[in-house]
Amino acid sequence: MDIVDKIDEAMLGVTMFGTDPVFCGAKNEIIKLRKQLADCQWISVEDRLPEEGISVLVTCDGFVNKTCLLGNEFLMPSKRQSNGITHWMPLPNPPQAMSEKG
């Protein structure tokens, strides 16, 4: 059972309590966490590419790099590295305290 299955199982348990405000709050929190988890999954470059010019994390030769897509290619120090990228994911949001400081 992976983490998504565990979240779905928790959601099923919370849904059984109907409209109780405490459980509705828990349900909303589970939905929010599931979306955050979905946003943090590696995406195959064969499935889809990120938006052009948006910074993302990529995997290349077992390493993780920050880069962006420009045209049909990721901006990497070498063409070989750009061709070796297999997966990407959006950058995570900064910690709450950092984003509040501006």
Protein backbone atom coordinates (compact mmCIF):
# COMPACT_ATOMS: atom_id res chain seq x y z
CA MET A 1 0.00 0.00 0.00
CA ASP A 2 1.55 3.30 -1.07
CA ILE A 3 0.96 6.72 0.46
CA VAL A 4 -1.84 7.60 -1.98
CA ASP A 5 -3.69 4.41 -1.02
CA LYS A 6 -3.30 5.30 2.67
CA ILE A 7 -4.67 8.80 2.04
CA ASP A 8 -7.64 7.34 0.14
CA GLU A 9 -8.28 4.91 2.99
CA ALA A 10 -8.21 7.75 5.52
CA MET A 11 -10.60 9.75 3.33
CA LEU A 12 -13.04 6.83 3.23
CA GLY A 13 -12.98 6.61 7.03
CA VAL A 14 -13.59 10.34 7.43
CA THR A 15 -16.37 10.38 4.79
CA MET A 16 -18.34 7.83 6.81
CA PHE A 17 -18.92 10.48 9.52
CA GLY A 18 -21.02 12.63 7.20
CA THR A 19 -21.38 16.33 7.92
CA ASP A 20 -19.86 16.51 11.42
CA PRO A 21 -17.79 19.76 11.35
CA VAL A 22 -14.71 18.12 12.87
CA PHE A 23 -14.68 15.41 10.25
CA CYS A 24 -15.47 17.85 7.43
CA GLY A 25 -12.37 19.80 8.49
CA ALA A 26 -10.33 16.59 8.47
CA LYS A 27 -11.74 15.71 5.05
CA ASN A 28 -10.72 19.10 3.66
CA GLU A 29 -7.23 18.69 5.12
CA ILE A 30 -6.91 15.23 3.53
CA ILE A 31 -7.98 16.66 0.16
CA LYS A 32 -5.36 19.41 0.50
CA LEU A 33 -2.62 16.91 1.43
CA ARG A 34 -3.56 14.63 -1.46
CA LYS A 35 -3.22 17.55 -3.90
CA GLN A 36 0.16 18.48 -2.42
CA LEU A 37 1.29 14.88 -2.79
CA ALA A 38 0.11 14.77 -6.40
CA ASP A 39 2.07 17.97 -7.07
CA CYS A 40 5.23 16.31 -5.70
CA GLN A 41 5.26 13.24 -7.92
CA TRP A 42 7.89 12.67 -10.61
CA ILE A 43 6.41 13.01 -14.10
CA SER A 44 7.93 11.14 -17.03
CA VAL A 45 9.07 13.38 -19.89
CA GLU A 46 7.37 10.83 -22.12
CA ASP A 47 4.01 11.59 -20.45
CA ARG A 48 4.27 15.38 -20.57
CA LEU A 49 6.69 18.28 -20.28
CA PRO A 50 6.55 21.25 -17.91
CA GLU A 51 5.51 24.71 -19.02
CA GLU A 52 8.27 26.55 -20.84
CA GLY A 53 10.37 28.87 -18.67
CA ILE A 54 9.09 27.53 -15.31
CA SER A 55 11.78 26.18 -12.96
CA VAL A 56 11.41 22.48 -12.17
CA LEU A 57 13.44 19.64 -10.69
CA VAL A 58 14.70 17.01 -13.15
CA THR A 59 16.42 13.65 -12.82
CA CYS A 60 19.47 12.98 -14.96
CA ASP A 61 21.95 10.12 -14.50
CA GLY A 62 20.78 9.56 -10.92
CA PHE A 63 21.13 13.22 -9.90
CA VAL A 64 18.49 15.88 -9.28
CA ASN A 65 18.96 19.30 -10.86
CA LYS A 66 16.94 22.51 -11.00
CA THR A 67 16.35 23.75 -14.55
CA CYS A 68 13.66 24.94 -16.94
CA LEU A 69 12.41 24.00 -20.39
CA LEU A 70 13.27 26.33 -23.25
CA GLY A 71 11.72 25.33 -26.55
CA ASN A 72 12.15 21.56 -26.79
CA GLU A 73 15.11 21.27 -24.41
CA PHE A 74 15.89 21.59 -20.75
CA LEU A 75 18.61 24.13 -19.98
CA MET A 76 21.51 22.01 -18.74
CA PRO A 77 25.31 22.51 -18.78
CA SER A 78 25.70 19.95 -21.57
CA LYS A 79 23.59 18.51 -24.37
CA ARG A 80 24.28 15.00 -23.04
CA GLN A 81 22.74 15.91 -19.70
CA SER A 82 19.71 17.47 -21.39
CA ASN A 83 19.17 14.27 -23.39
CA GLY A 84 19.48 12.11 -20.25
CA ILE A 85 16.53 13.68 -18.40
CA THR A 86 13.82 11.11 -17.75
CA HIS A 87 11.51 12.76 -15.17
CA TRP A 88 10.61 16.17 -13.75
CA MET A 89 8.49 17.67 -10.98
CA PRO A 90 7.38 21.16 -9.97
CA LEU A 91 9.44 22.94 -7.32
CA PRO A 92 7.89 22.67 -3.85
CA ASN A 93 6.50 25.79 -2.21
CA PRO A 94 8.85 27.49 0.26
CA PRO A 95 8.22 26.92 3.98
CA GLN A 96 5.31 28.97 5.34
CA ALA A 97 7.55 31.24 7.47
CA MET A 98 9.72 32.12 4.44
CA SER A 99 6.79 32.87 2.13
CA GLU A 100 5.24 35.20 4.75
CA LYS A 101 8.46 37.26 5.00
CA GLY A 102 8.13 38.20 1.36
